[in-house]
């Protein structure tokens, strides 16, 4: 390391997710469009549809459509569950 080399533990898998549930969730998150990803992030911040619509300069109906698509792609039934799933990814990245 002192010579500029990179050290990794012997059991390091090179970025492969060990938890199959988290790996599945990551693959589902990758199906989101960039705008859906932005909306999901704003849901995670606790913003209402009206606030998200204002921030993104779109209609509230557009946000509702994005939220519905996000719920389907993440295989969850509510905004709260979607945010919980997002939290799982954040926790996996910290661990």
PDB file of N, CA and C in Angstrom:
ATOM      1  N   UNK A   1       0.828  -1.181   0.000  1.00  0.00           N
ATOM      2  CA  UNK A   1       0.000   0.000   0.000  1.00  0.00           C
ATOM      3  C   UNK A   1       0.874   1.247   0.000  1.00  0.00           C
ATOM      4  N   UNK A   2       1.974   1.206   0.676  1.00  0.00           N
ATOM      5  CA  UNK A   2       2.847   2.376   0.715  1.00  0.00           C
ATOM      6  C   UNK A   2       3.406   2.705  -0.657  1.00  0.00           C
ATOM      7  N   UNK A   3       3.485   1.701  -1.518  1.00  0.00           N
ATOM      8  CA  UNK A   3       3.994   1.898  -2.866  1.00  0.00           C
ATOM      9  C   UNK A   3       2.891   2.270  -3.852  1.00  0.00           C
ATOM     10  N   UNK A   4       1.678   2.498  -3.355  1.00  0.00           N
ATOM     11  CA  UNK A   4       0.574   2.898  -4.222  1.00  0.00           C
ATOM     12  C   UNK A   4      -0.303   1.764  -4.694  1.00  0.00           C
ATOM     13  N   UNK A   5      -0.034   0.531  -4.253  1.00  0.00           N
ATOM     14  CA  UNK A   5      -0.870  -0.599  -4.630  1.00  0.00           C
ATOM     15  C   UNK A   5      -2.186  -0.563  -3.850  1.00  0.00           C
ATOM     16  N   UNK A   6      -3.176  -1.235  -4.404  1.00  0.00           N
ATOM     17  CA  UNK A   6      -4.476  -1.335  -3.740  1.00  0.00           C
ATOM     18  C   UNK A   6      -4.546  -2.654  -3.000  1.00  0.00           C
ATOM     19  N   UNK A   7      -4.949  -2.606  -1.730  1.00  0.00           N
ATOM     20  CA  UNK A   7      -5.083  -3.811  -0.924  1.00  0.00           C
ATOM     21  C   UNK A   7      -6.558  -4.158  -0.792  1.00  0.00           C
ATOM     22  N   UNK A   8      -6.888  -5.412  -0.986  1.00  0.00           N
ATOM     23  CA  UNK A   8      -8.254  -5.887  -0.759  1.00  0.00           C
ATOM     24  C   UNK A   8      -8.192  -7.154   0.073  1.00  0.00           C
ATOM     25  N   UNK A   9      -9.209  -7.374   0.907  1.00  0.00           N
ATOM     26  CA  UNK A   9      -9.242  -8.609   1.695  1.00  0.00           C
ATOM     27  C   UNK A   9      -9.307  -9.832   0.778  1.00  0.00           C
ATOM     28  N   UNK A  10      -8.823 -10.959   1.258  1.00  0.00           N
ATOM     29  CA  UNK A  10      -8.801 -12.178   0.445  1.00  0.00           C
ATOM     30  C   UNK A  10     -10.192 -12.622   0.019  1.00  0.00           C
ATOM     31  N   UNK A  11     -11.210 -12.389   0.854  1.00  0.00           N
ATOM     32  CA  UNK A  11     -12.563 -12.839   0.531  1.00  0.00           C
ATOM     33  C   UNK A  11     -13.371 -11.800  -0.230  1.00  0.00           C
ATOM     34  N   UNK A  12     -12.748 -10.710  -0.702  1.00  0.00           N
ATOM     35  CA  UNK A  12     -13.447  -9.658  -1.433  1.00  0.00           C
ATOM     36  C   UNK A  12     -13.911 -10.194  -2.781  1.00  0.00           C
ATOM     37  N   UNK A  13     -15.182  -9.954  -3.111  1.00  0.00           N
ATOM     38  CA  UNK A  13     -15.788 -10.494  -4.326  1.00  0.00           C
ATOM     39  C   UNK A  13     -15.832  -9.504  -5.492  1.00  0.00           C
ATOM     40  N   UNK A  14     -15.149  -8.396  -5.392  1.00  0.00           N
ATOM     41  CA  UNK A  14     -15.093  -7.455  -6.504  1.00  0.00           C
ATOM     42  C   UNK A  14     -16.400  -6.763  -6.813  1.00  0.00           C
ATOM     43  N   UNK A  15     -17.115  -6.334  -5.795  1.00  0.00           N
ATOM     44  CA  UNK A  15     -18.339  -5.573  -6.006  1.00  0.00           C
ATOM     45  C   UNK A  15     -19.589  -6.416  -6.155  1.00  0.00           C
ATOM     46  N   UNK A  16     -19.474  -7.722  -6.047  1.00  0.00           N
ATOM     47  CA  UNK A  16     -20.655  -8.569  -6.135  1.00  0.00           C
ATOM     48  C   UNK A  16     -21.387  -8.530  -4.800  1.00  0.00           C
ATOM     49  N   UNK A  17     -22.683  -8.318  -4.860  1.00  0.00           N
ATOM     50  CA  UNK A  17     -23.497  -8.268  -3.656  1.00  0.00           C
ATOM     51  C   UNK A  17     -23.666  -9.678  -3.100  1.00  0.00           C
ATOM     52  N   UNK A  18     -23.389  -9.844  -1.805  1.00  0.00           N
ATOM     53  CA  UNK A  18     -23.465 -11.148  -1.156  1.00  0.00           C
ATOM     54  C   UNK A  18     -24.903 -11.553  -0.828  1.00  0.00           C
ATOM     55  N   UNK A  19     -25.728 -10.593  -0.455  1.00  0.00           N
ATOM     56  CA  UNK A  19     -27.113 -10.863  -0.067  1.00  0.00           C
ATOM     57  C   UNK A  19     -27.974 -10.947  -1.328  1.00  0.00           C
ATOM     58  N   UNK A  20     -28.576 -12.103  -1.611  1.00  0.00           N
ATOM     59  CA  UNK A  20     -29.370 -12.236  -2.834  1.00  0.00           C
ATOM     60  C   UNK A  20     -30.576 -11.292  -2.873  1.00  0.00           C
ATOM     61  N   UNK A  21     -31.157 -10.986  -1.710  1.00  0.00           N
ATOM     62  CA  UNK A  21     -32.289 -10.055  -1.683  1.00  0.00           C
ATOM     63  C   UNK A  21     -31.854  -8.658  -2.090  1.00  0.00           C
ATOM     64  N   UNK A  22     -30.707  -8.227  -1.599  1.00  0.00           N
ATOM     65  CA  UNK A  22     -30.184  -6.906  -1.957  1.00  0.00           C
ATOM     66  C   UNK A  22     -29.793  -6.891  -3.430  1.00  0.00           C
ATOM     67  N   UNK A  23     -29.191  -7.970  -3.922  1.00  0.00           N
ATOM     68  CA  UNK A  23     -28.820  -8.056  -5.336  1.00  0.00           C
ATOM     69  C   UNK A  23     -30.064  -7.955  -6.218  1.00  0.00           C
ATOM     70  N   UNK A  24     -31.143  -8.617  -5.814  1.00  0.00           N
ATOM     71  CA  UNK A  24     -32.399  -8.556  -6.567  1.00  0.00           C
ATOM     72  C   UNK A  24     -32.955  -7.131  -6.543  1.00  0.00           C
ATOM     73  N   UNK A  25     -32.901  -6.501  -5.392  1.00  0.00           N
ATOM     74  CA  UNK A  25     -33.391  -5.134  -5.266  1.00  0.00           C
ATOM     75  C   UNK A  25     -32.572  -4.186  -6.144  1.00  0.00           C
ATOM     76  N   UNK A  26     -31.270  -4.372  -6.177  1.00  0.00           N
ATOM     77  CA  UNK A  26     -30.407  -3.532  -7.022  1.00  0.00           C
ATOM     78  C   UNK A  26     -30.794  -3.698  -8.489  1.00  0.00           C
ATOM     79  N   UNK A  27     -31.057  -4.928  -8.897  1.00  0.00           N
ATOM     80  CA  UNK A  27     -31.432  -5.144 -10.301  1.00  0.00           C
ATOM     81  C   UNK A  27     -32.778  -4.489 -10.602  1.00  0.00           C
ATOM     82  N   UNK A  28     -33.709  -4.495  -9.647  1.00  0.00           N
ATOM     83  CA  UNK A  28     -34.998  -3.817  -9.853  1.00  0.00           C
ATOM     84  C   UNK A  28     -34.820  -2.308  -9.890  1.00  0.00           C
ATOM     85  N   UNK A  29     -33.940  -1.776  -9.051  1.00  0.00           N
ATOM     86  CA  UNK A  29     -33.685  -0.330  -9.060  1.00  0.00           C
ATOM     87  C   UNK A  29     -33.083   0.112 -10.389  1.00  0.00           C
ATOM     88  N   UNK A  30     -32.298  -0.737 -11.005  1.00  0.00           N
ATOM     89  CA  UNK A  30     -31.684  -0.402 -12.291  1.00  0.00           C
ATOM     90  C   UNK A  30     -32.705  -0.281 -13.410  1.00  0.00           C
ATOM     91  N   UNK A  31     -33.917  -0.800 -13.202  1.00  0.00           N
ATOM     92  CA  UNK A  31     -34.958  -0.692 -14.230  1.00  0.00           C
ATOM     93  C   UNK A  31     -35.659   0.664 -14.186  1.00  0.00           C
ATOM     94  N   UNK A  32     -35.419   1.439 -13.132  1.00  0.00           N
ATOM     95  CA  UNK A  32     -36.053   2.757 -13.031  1.00  0.00           C
ATOM     96  C   UNK A  32     -35.440   3.714 -14.047  1.00  0.00           C
ATOM     97  N   UNK A  33     -36.285   4.565 -14.596  1.00  0.00           N
ATOM     98  CA  UNK A  33     -35.784   5.621 -15.478  1.00  0.00           C
ATOM     99  C   UNK A  33     -35.087   6.670 -14.615  1.00  0.00           C
ATOM    100  N   UNK A  34     -34.288   7.528 -15.220  1.00  0.00           N
ATOM    101  CA  UNK A  34     -33.645   8.585 -14.427  1.00  0.00           C
ATOM    102  C   UNK A  34     -34.662   9.450 -13.653  1.00  0.00           C
ATOM    103  N   UNK A  35     -35.772   9.778 -14.301  1.00  0.00           N
ATOM    104  CA  UNK A  35     -36.781  10.599 -13.616  1.00  0.00           C
ATOM    105  C   UNK A  35     -37.420   9.817 -12.465  1.00  0.00           C
ATOM    106  N   UNK A  36     -37.687   8.530 -12.660  1.00  0.00           N
ATOM    107  CA  UNK A  36     -38.234   7.708 -11.583  1.00  0.00           C
ATOM    108  C   UNK A  36     -37.249   7.624 -10.431  1.00  0.00           C
ATOM    109  N   UNK A  37     -35.974   7.538 -10.728  1.00  0.00           N
ATOM    110  CA  UNK A  37     -34.953   7.506  -9.674  1.00  0.00           C
ATOM    111  C   UNK A  37     -34.958   8.809  -8.888  1.00  0.00           C
ATOM    112  N   UNK A  38     -35.100   9.930  -9.586  1.00  0.00           N
ATOM    113  CA  UNK A  38     -35.177  11.224  -8.899  1.00  0.00           C
ATOM    114  C   UNK A  38     -36.401  11.274  -7.989  1.00  0.00           C
ATOM    115  N   UNK A  39     -37.538  10.799  -8.512  1.00  0.00           N
ATOM    116  CA  UNK A  39     -38.774  10.803  -7.721  1.00  0.00           C
ATOM    117  C   UNK A  39     -38.603   9.919  -6.492  1.00  0.00           C
ATOM    118  N   UNK A  40     -38.012   8.744  -6.655  1.00  0.00           N
ATOM    119  CA  UNK A  40     -37.794   7.848  -5.515  1.00  0.00           C
ATOM    120  C   UNK A  40     -36.904   8.518  -4.472  1.00  0.00           C
ATOM    121  N   UNK A  41     -35.864   9.182  -4.916  1.00  0.00           N
ATOM    122  CA  UNK A  41     -34.997   9.896  -3.980  1.00  0.00           C
ATOM    123  C   UNK A  41     -35.749  10.967  -3.218  1.00  0.00           C
ATOM    124  N   UNK A  42     -36.641  11.670  -3.906  1.00  0.00           N
ATOM    125  CA  UNK A  42     -37.434  12.710  -3.252  1.00  0.00           C
ATOM    126  C   UNK A  42     -38.465  12.112  -2.300  1.00  0.00           C
ATOM    127  N   UNK A  43     -38.984  10.934  -2.653  1.00  0.00           N
ATOM    128  CA  UNK A  43     -39.867  10.230  -1.713  1.00  0.00           C
ATOM    129  C   UNK A  43     -39.085   9.909  -0.445  1.00  0.00           C
ATOM    130  N   UNK A  44     -37.842   9.499  -0.632  1.00  0.00           N
ATOM    131  CA  UNK A  44     -36.978   9.189   0.504  1.00  0.00           C
ATOM    132  C   UNK A  44     -36.723  10.396   1.386  1.00  0.00           C
ATOM    133  N   UNK A  45     -36.795  11.585   0.808  1.00  0.00           N
ATOM    134  CA  UNK A  45     -36.635  12.817   1.575  1.00  0.00           C
ATOM    135  C   UNK A  45     -37.923  13.225   2.268  1.00  0.00           C
ATOM    136  N   UNK A  46     -39.004  12.476   1.997  1.00  0.00           N
ATOM    137  CA  UNK A  46     -40.278  12.756   2.644  1.00  0.00           C
ATOM    138  C   UNK A  46     -41.133  13.794   1.943  1.00  0.00           C
ATOM    139  N   UNK A  47     -40.810  14.109   0.692  1.00  0.00           N
ATOM    140  CA  UNK A  47     -41.586  15.113  -0.029  1.00  0.00           C
ATOM    141  C   UNK A  47     -42.925  14.545  -0.493  1.00  0.00           C
ATOM    142  N   UNK A  48     -43.918  15.399  -0.535  1.00  0.00           N
ATOM    143  CA  UNK A  48     -45.239  15.045  -1.052  1.00  0.00           C
ATOM    144  C   UNK A  48     -45.223  15.111  -2.573  1.00  0.00           C
ATOM    145  N   UNK A  49     -46.213  14.468  -3.219  1.00  0.00           N
ATOM    146  CA  UNK A  49     -46.300  14.511  -4.672  1.00  0.00           C
ATOM    147  C   UNK A  49     -46.308  15.947  -5.189  1.00  0.00           C
ATOM    148  N   UNK A  50     -47.058  16.798  -4.537  1.00  0.00           N
ATOM    149  CA  UNK A  50     -47.168  18.192  -4.955  1.00  0.00           C
ATOM    150  C   UNK A  50     -45.794  18.880  -4.894  1.00  0.00           C
ATOM    151  N   UNK A  51     -45.031  18.606  -3.853  1.00  0.00           N
ATOM    152  CA  UNK A  51     -43.708  19.209  -3.713  1.00  0.00           C
ATOM    153  C   UNK A  51     -42.743  18.684  -4.772  1.00  0.00           C
ATOM    154  N   UNK A  52     -42.818  17.382  -5.041  1.00  0.00           N
ATOM    155  CA  UNK A  52     -41.956  16.782  -6.058  1.00  0.00           C
ATOM    156  C   UNK A  52     -42.291  17.363  -7.426  1.00  0.00           C
ATOM    157  N   UNK A  53     -43.587  17.482  -7.714  1.00  0.00           N
ATOM    158  CA  UNK A  53     -44.021  18.049  -8.991  1.00  0.00           C
ATOM    159  C   UNK A  53     -43.479  19.460  -9.167  1.00  0.00           C
ATOM    160  N   UNK A  54     -43.537  20.250  -8.122  1.00  0.00           N
ATOM    161  CA  UNK A  54     -43.033  21.619  -8.179  1.00  0.00           C
ATOM    162  C   UNK A  54     -41.526  21.633  -8.436  1.00  0.00           C
ATOM    163  N   UNK A  55     -40.792  20.801  -7.696  1.00  0.00           N
ATOM    164  CA  UNK A  55     -39.330  20.748  -7.836  1.00  0.00           C
ATOM    165  C   UNK A  55     -38.894  20.307  -9.234  1.00  0.00           C
ATOM    166  N   UNK A  56     -39.655  19.387  -9.834  1.00  0.00           N
ATOM    167  CA  UNK A  56     -39.288  18.848 -11.140  1.00  0.00           C
ATOM    168  C   UNK A  56     -39.999  19.553 -12.293  1.00  0.00           C
ATOM    169  N   UNK A  57     -40.831  20.530 -11.969  1.00  0.00           N
ATOM    170  CA  UNK A  57     -41.576  21.311 -12.977  1.00  0.00           C
ATOM    171  C   UNK A  57     -42.445  20.430 -13.872  1.00  0.00           C
ATOM    172  N   UNK A  58     -43.167  19.517 -13.228  1.00  0.00           N
ATOM    173  CA  UNK A  58     -44.119  18.656 -13.940  1.00  0.00           C
ATOM    174  C   UNK A  58     -45.433  18.670 -13.164  1.00  0.00           C
ATOM    175  N   UNK A  59     -46.444  18.050 -13.721  1.00  0.00           N
ATOM    176  CA  UNK A  59     -47.740  18.016 -13.044  1.00  0.00           C
ATOM    177  C   UNK A  59     -47.746  16.969 -11.929  1.00  0.00           C
ATOM    178  N   UNK A  60     -48.669  17.158 -11.018  1.00  0.00           N
ATOM    179  CA  UNK A  60     -48.820  16.179  -9.936  1.00  0.00           C
ATOM    180  C   UNK A  60     -49.250  14.823 -10.492  1.00  0.00           C
ATOM    181  N   UNK A  61     -50.042  14.843 -11.571  1.00  0.00           N
ATOM    182  CA  UNK A  61     -50.469  13.586 -12.215  1.00  0.00           C
ATOM    183  C   UNK A  61     -49.260  12.819 -12.758  1.00  0.00           C
ATOM    184  N   UNK A  62     -48.271  13.540 -13.273  1.00  0.00           N
ATOM    185  CA  UNK A  62     -47.052  12.897 -13.767  1.00  0.00           C
ATOM    186  C   UNK A  62     -46.318  12.220 -12.623  1.00  0.00           C
ATOM    187  N   UNK A  63     -46.251  12.884 -11.487  1.00  0.00           N
ATOM    188  CA  UNK A  63     -45.580  12.297 -10.321  1.00  0.00           C
ATOM    189  C   UNK A  63     -46.323  11.056  -9.857  1.00  0.00           C
ATOM    190  N   UNK A  64     -47.654  11.122  -9.845  1.00  0.00           N
ATOM    191  CA  UNK A  64     -48.444   9.957  -9.446  1.00  0.00           C
ATOM    192  C   UNK A  64     -48.165   8.774 -10.377  1.00  0.00           C
ATOM    193  N   UNK A  65     -48.020   9.059 -11.675  1.00  0.00           N
ATOM    194  CA  UNK A  65     -47.702   7.989 -12.635  1.00  0.00           C
ATOM    195  C   UNK A  65     -46.315   7.416 -12.358  1.00  0.00           C
ATOM    196  N   UNK A  66     -45.355   8.293 -12.056  1.00  0.00           N
ATOM    197  CA  UNK A  66     -44.006   7.811 -11.727  1.00  0.00           C
ATOM    198  C   UNK A  66     -44.024   6.957 -10.465  1.00  0.00           C
ATOM    199  N   UNK A  67     -44.749   7.408  -9.451  1.00  0.00           N
ATOM    200  CA  UNK A  67     -44.816   6.651  -8.195  1.00  0.00           C
ATOM    201  C   UNK A  67     -45.437   5.275  -8.448  1.00  0.00           C
ATOM    202  N   UNK A  68     -46.496   5.221  -9.244  1.00  0.00           N
ATOM    203  CA  UNK A  68     -47.118   3.930  -9.564  1.00  0.00           C
ATOM    204  C   UNK A  68     -46.134   3.002 -10.270  1.00  0.00           C
ATOM    205  N   UNK A  69     -45.374   3.547 -11.213  1.00  0.00           N
ATOM    206  CA  UNK A  69     -44.384   2.737 -11.935  1.00  0.00           C
ATOM    207  C   UNK A  69     -43.283   2.260 -10.990  1.00  0.00           C
ATOM    208  N   UNK A  70     -42.856   3.125 -10.082  1.00  0.00           N
ATOM    209  CA  UNK A  70     -41.821   2.757  -9.107  1.00  0.00           C
ATOM    210  C   UNK A  70     -42.301   1.611  -8.232  1.00  0.00           C
ATOM    211  N   UNK A  71     -43.532   1.710  -7.749  1.00  0.00           N
ATOM    212  CA  UNK A  71     -44.083   0.662  -6.887  1.00  0.00           C
ATOM    213  C   UNK A  71     -44.128  -0.671  -7.622  1.00  0.00           C
ATOM    214  N   UNK A  72     -44.537  -0.644  -8.890  1.00  0.00           N
ATOM    215  CA  UNK A  72     -44.589  -1.879  -9.677  1.00  0.00           C
ATOM    216  C   UNK A  72     -43.195  -2.467  -9.879  1.00  0.00           C
ATOM    217  N   UNK A  73     -42.245  -1.619 -10.247  1.00  0.00           N
ATOM    218  CA  UNK A  73     -40.896  -2.109 -10.523  1.00  0.00           C
ATOM    219  C   UNK A  73     -40.193  -2.627  -9.273  1.00  0.00           C
ATOM    220  N   UNK A  74     -40.492  -2.022  -8.124  1.00  0.00           N
ATOM    221  CA  UNK A  74     -39.865  -2.474  -6.878  1.00  0.00           C
ATOM    222  C   UNK A  74     -40.662  -3.583  -6.202  1.00  0.00           C
ATOM    223  N   UNK A  75     -41.826  -3.905  -6.768  1.00  0.00           N
ATOM    224  CA  UNK A  75     -42.705  -4.955  -6.237  1.00  0.00           C
ATOM    225  C   UNK A  75     -43.115  -4.663  -4.793  1.00  0.00           C
ATOM    226  N   UNK A  76     -43.559  -3.423  -4.564  1.00  0.00           N
ATOM    227  CA  UNK A  76     -44.056  -3.010  -3.255  1.00  0.00           C
ATOM    228  C   UNK A  76     -45.429  -2.392  -3.430  1.00  0.00           C
ATOM    229  N   UNK A  77     -46.137  -2.209  -2.303  1.00  0.00           N
ATOM    230  CA  UNK A  77     -47.509  -1.713  -2.352  1.00  0.00           C
ATOM    231  C   UNK A  77     -47.668  -0.262  -1.925  1.00  0.00           C
ATOM    232  N   UNK A  78     -46.638   0.332  -1.346  1.00  0.00           N
ATOM    233  CA  UNK A  78     -46.789   1.695  -0.852  1.00  0.00           C
ATOM    234  C   UNK A  78     -45.504   2.485  -0.982  1.00  0.00           C
ATOM    235  N   UNK A  79     -45.645   3.808  -0.897  1.00  0.00           N
ATOM    236  CA  UNK A  79     -44.491   4.696  -0.913  1.00  0.00           C
ATOM    237  C   UNK A  79     -43.553   4.369   0.241  1.00  0.00           C
ATOM    238  N   UNK A  80     -44.147   4.078   1.394  1.00  0.00           N
ATOM    239  CA  UNK A  80     -43.352   3.760   2.580  1.00  0.00           C
ATOM    240  C   UNK A  80     -42.486   2.532   2.328  1.00  0.00           C
ATOM    241  N   UNK A  81     -43.059   1.502   1.737  1.00  0.00           N
ATOM    242  CA  UNK A  81     -42.292   0.293   1.440  1.00  0.00           C
ATOM    243  C   UNK A  81     -41.187   0.575   0.434  1.00  0.00           C
ATOM    244  N   UNK A  82     -41.442   1.443  -0.536  1.00  0.00           N
ATOM    245  CA  UNK A  82     -40.416   1.801  -1.514  1.00  0.00           C
ATOM    246  C   UNK A  82     -39.243   2.485  -0.830  1.00  0.00           C
ATOM    247  N   UNK A  83     -39.547   3.389   0.092  1.00  0.00           N
ATOM    248  CA  UNK A  83     -38.489   4.101   0.812  1.00  0.00           C
ATOM    249  C   UNK A  83     -37.710   3.133   1.704  1.00  0.00           C
ATOM    250  N   UNK A  84     -38.403   2.176   2.307  1.00  0.00           N
ATOM    251  CA  UNK A  84     -37.727   1.161   3.131  1.00  0.00           C
ATOM    252  C   UNK A  84     -36.761   0.355   2.262  1.00  0.00           C
ATOM    253  N   UNK A  85     -37.199  -0.008   1.051  1.00  0.00           N
ATOM    254  CA  UNK A  85     -36.323  -0.744   0.134  1.00  0.00           C
ATOM    255  C   UNK A  85     -35.090   0.087  -0.215  1.00  0.00           C
ATOM    256  N   UNK A  86     -35.299   1.366  -0.449  1.00  0.00           N
ATOM    257  CA  UNK A  86     -34.180   2.260  -0.740  1.00  0.00           C
ATOM    258  C   UNK A  86     -33.210   2.305   0.441  1.00  0.00           C
ATOM    259  N   UNK A  87     -33.753   2.296   1.646  1.00  0.00           N
ATOM    260  CA  UNK A  87     -32.924   2.286   2.849  1.00  0.00           C
ATOM    261  C   UNK A  87     -32.080   1.026   2.955  1.00  0.00           C
ATOM    262  N   UNK A  88     -32.613  -0.098   2.488  1.00  0.00           N
ATOM    263  CA  UNK A  88     -31.854  -1.355   2.511  1.00  0.00           C
ATOM    264  C   UNK A  88     -30.607  -1.248   1.648  1.00  0.00           C
ATOM    265  N   UNK A  89     -30.737  -0.570   0.523  1.00  0.00           N
ATOM    266  CA  UNK A  89     -29.587  -0.383  -0.364  1.00  0.00           C
ATOM    267  C   UNK A  89     -28.552   0.500   0.326  1.00  0.00           C
ATOM    268  N   UNK A  90     -29.022   1.571   0.948  1.00  0.00           N
ATOM    269  CA  UNK A  90     -28.106   2.464   1.652  1.00  0.00           C
ATOM    270  C   UNK A  90     -27.383   1.734   2.777  1.00  0.00           C
ATOM    271  N   UNK A  91     -28.090   0.867   3.486  1.00  0.00           N
ATOM    272  CA  UNK A  91     -27.475   0.106   4.583  1.00  0.00           C
ATOM    273  C   UNK A  91     -26.453  -0.890   4.040  1.00  0.00           C
ATOM    274  N   UNK A  92     -26.770  -1.507   2.897  1.00  0.00           N
ATOM    275  CA  UNK A  92     -25.855  -2.474   2.299  1.00  0.00           C
ATOM    276  C   UNK A  92     -24.570  -1.796   1.834  1.00  0.00           C
ATOM    277  N   UNK A  93     -24.684  -0.548   1.396  1.00  0.00           N
ATOM    278  CA  UNK A  93     -23.506   0.175   0.923  1.00  0.00           C
ATOM    279  C   UNK A  93     -22.598   0.576   2.094  1.00  0.00           C
ATOM    280  N   UNK A  94     -23.197   0.814   3.264  1.00  0.00           N
ATOM    281  CA  UNK A  94     -22.436   1.196   4.446  1.00  0.00           C
ATOM    282  C   UNK A  94     -21.721  -0.006   5.040  1.00  0.00           C
ATOM    283  N   UNK A  95     -22.393  -1.156   4.986  1.00  0.00           N
ATOM    284  CA  UNK A  95     -21.848  -2.370   5.613  1.00  0.00           C
ATOM    285  C   UNK A  95     -20.620  -2.886   4.925  1.00  0.00           C
TER     286      UNK A  95
END
